[in-house]
Amino acid sequence: MIESLEKAIDTYNRLAPDNDRIRKSVEGKLRIVEIRLRDGNGYNFIMEGVTAHSLKEGRCNEKADIIVDSTSEILEGIMKGEVSPFKAMARREIVIHAPIMDLLLMKKLFSA
């Protein structure tokens, strides 16, 4: 799982600075993201403007701005494009606790 998250973060970091729509929507924003896996541990990282960084295993020590709750299988499937994030949300296979604009930010990260 951590390899898939690292790859998604690397792709986002490579593409986001050159994408006007993404850059405008995340400029000046700092978000702590926590991924809670129902079938295992979890991960956390920071999204700061067009850069995602500091991926760590485990829960974050600070209050997360965005919480992603799912299984590793569903999250991997979404990142690989094998699972529709909207169908997974409708089935409650993935739940994202965040304001709507941050929800769109997560979509951009996982589909970058």
Protein backbone atom coordinates (compact mmCIF):
# COMPACT_ATOMS: atom_id res chain seq x y z
CA MET A 1 0.00 0.00 0.00
CA ILE A 2 2.73 2.49 0.88
CA GLU A 3 4.28 2.03 -2.56
CA SER A 4 0.96 2.92 -4.23
CA LEU A 5 0.57 6.00 -2.03
CA GLU A 6 4.15 7.09 -2.77
CA LYS A 7 3.48 6.67 -6.49
CA ALA A 8 0.24 8.69 -6.27
CA ILE A 9 2.02 11.44 -4.35
CA ASP A 10 4.93 11.49 -6.81
CA THR A 11 2.53 11.70 -9.77
CA TYR A 12 0.53 14.47 -8.10
CA ASN A 13 3.72 16.41 -7.29
CA ARG A 14 4.90 16.07 -10.88
CA LEU A 15 1.59 17.06 -12.55
CA ALA A 16 -0.09 19.52 -10.16
CA PRO A 17 2.30 22.48 -10.57
CA ASP A 18 1.67 22.57 -14.34
CA ASN A 19 -2.11 22.17 -14.09
CA ASP A 20 -3.73 25.60 -13.75
CA ARG A 21 -7.01 24.22 -12.41
CA ILE A 22 -5.33 22.17 -9.68
CA ARG A 23 -2.85 24.90 -8.82
CA LYS A 24 -5.59 27.52 -8.39
CA SER A 25 -7.70 25.23 -6.20
CA VAL A 26 -4.86 24.33 -3.80
CA GLU A 27 -2.75 27.48 -3.69
CA GLY A 28 -2.05 28.52 -0.14
CA LYS A 29 -3.78 25.51 1.40
CA LEU A 30 -2.22 23.27 4.03
CA ARG A 31 -4.04 20.01 4.75
CA ILE A 32 -3.14 17.09 6.99
CA VAL A 33 -4.46 13.89 5.44
CA GLU A 34 -5.01 10.68 7.40
CA ILE A 35 -5.79 7.40 5.67
CA ARG A 36 -7.45 4.90 8.01
CA LEU A 37 -7.42 1.36 6.68
CA ARG A 38 -10.13 -0.91 8.05
CA ASP A 39 -7.98 -3.95 7.32
CA GLY A 40 -4.68 -2.66 8.64
CA ASN A 41 -2.80 0.31 9.95
CA GLY A 42 -2.99 3.64 8.23
CA TYR A 43 -0.94 6.47 6.80
CA ASN A 44 -0.75 10.22 6.97
CA PHE A 45 0.80 12.94 4.89
CA ILE A 46 0.67 16.67 4.29
CA MET A 47 -0.70 18.47 1.25
CA GLU A 48 0.80 21.92 1.07
CA GLY A 49 -0.25 23.81 -2.04
CA VAL A 50 0.73 21.79 -5.10
CA THR A 51 3.02 19.54 -3.06
CA ALA A 52 2.17 16.42 -1.08
CA HIS A 53 4.90 15.24 1.29
CA SER A 54 5.87 13.63 4.59
CA LEU A 55 4.12 10.28 4.02
CA LYS A 56 4.30 8.27 7.23
CA GLU A 57 2.82 5.04 8.47
CA GLY A 58 0.32 5.26 11.32
CA ARG A 59 -2.14 7.83 12.55
CA CYS A 60 -1.11 11.44 12.65
CA ASN A 61 -0.39 13.19 15.93
CA GLU A 62 -2.28 16.30 14.91
CA LYS A 63 -5.93 16.71 14.01
CA ALA A 64 -6.38 15.66 10.39
CA ASP A 65 -8.17 18.02 8.02
CA ILE A 66 -9.06 15.14 5.68
CA ILE A 67 -9.78 11.58 6.81
CA VAL A 68 -10.02 8.78 4.26
CA ASP A 69 -11.60 5.59 5.66
CA SER A 70 -11.46 2.46 3.50
CA THR A 71 -9.79 -0.90 2.98
CA SER A 72 -6.43 -1.31 1.29
CA GLU A 73 -8.09 -3.31 -1.52
CA ILE A 74 -10.57 -0.54 -2.40
CA LEU A 75 -8.00 2.23 -2.09
CA GLU A 76 -5.51 0.33 -4.29
CA GLY A 77 -8.29 -0.29 -6.83
CA ILE A 78 -9.15 3.40 -6.95
CA MET A 79 -5.51 4.39 -7.43
CA LYS A 80 -5.08 1.82 -10.21
CA GLY A 81 -8.29 2.94 -11.93
CA GLU A 82 -9.94 -0.46 -11.40
CA VAL A 83 -12.56 0.82 -8.92
CA SER A 84 -14.75 3.86 -9.46
CA PRO A 85 -14.33 6.23 -6.50
CA PHE A 86 -17.95 7.37 -6.84
CA LYS A 87 -19.33 3.81 -6.78
CA ALA A 88 -17.10 3.01 -3.81
CA MET A 89 -18.44 6.09 -2.00
CA ALA A 90 -22.03 5.14 -2.81
CA ARG A 91 -21.41 1.66 -1.37
CA ARG A 92 -19.61 3.21 1.65
CA GLU A 93 -16.49 1.23 0.72
CA ILE A 94 -14.61 4.48 1.04
CA VAL A 95 -15.65 7.39 3.23
CA ILE A 96 -13.92 10.75 3.08
CA HIS A 97 -14.50 13.12 5.97
CA ALA A 98 -13.70 16.55 4.57
CA PRO A 99 -15.25 19.74 3.28
CA ILE A 100 -16.41 19.43 -0.35
CA MET A 101 -13.46 21.38 -1.78
CA ASP A 102 -11.05 19.07 0.03
CA LEU A 103 -12.98 16.08 -1.26
CA LEU A 104 -12.25 17.30 -4.78
CA LEU A 105 -8.61 17.73 -3.81
CA MET A 106 -8.46 14.04 -2.80
CA LYS A 107 -9.95 13.07 -6.15
CA LYS A 108 -7.17 14.99 -7.88
CA LEU A 109 -4.53 13.27 -5.79
CA PHE A 110 -5.77 9.72 -6.31
CA SER A 111 -6.50 10.16 -10.00
CA ALA A 112 -3.40 12.19 -10.90
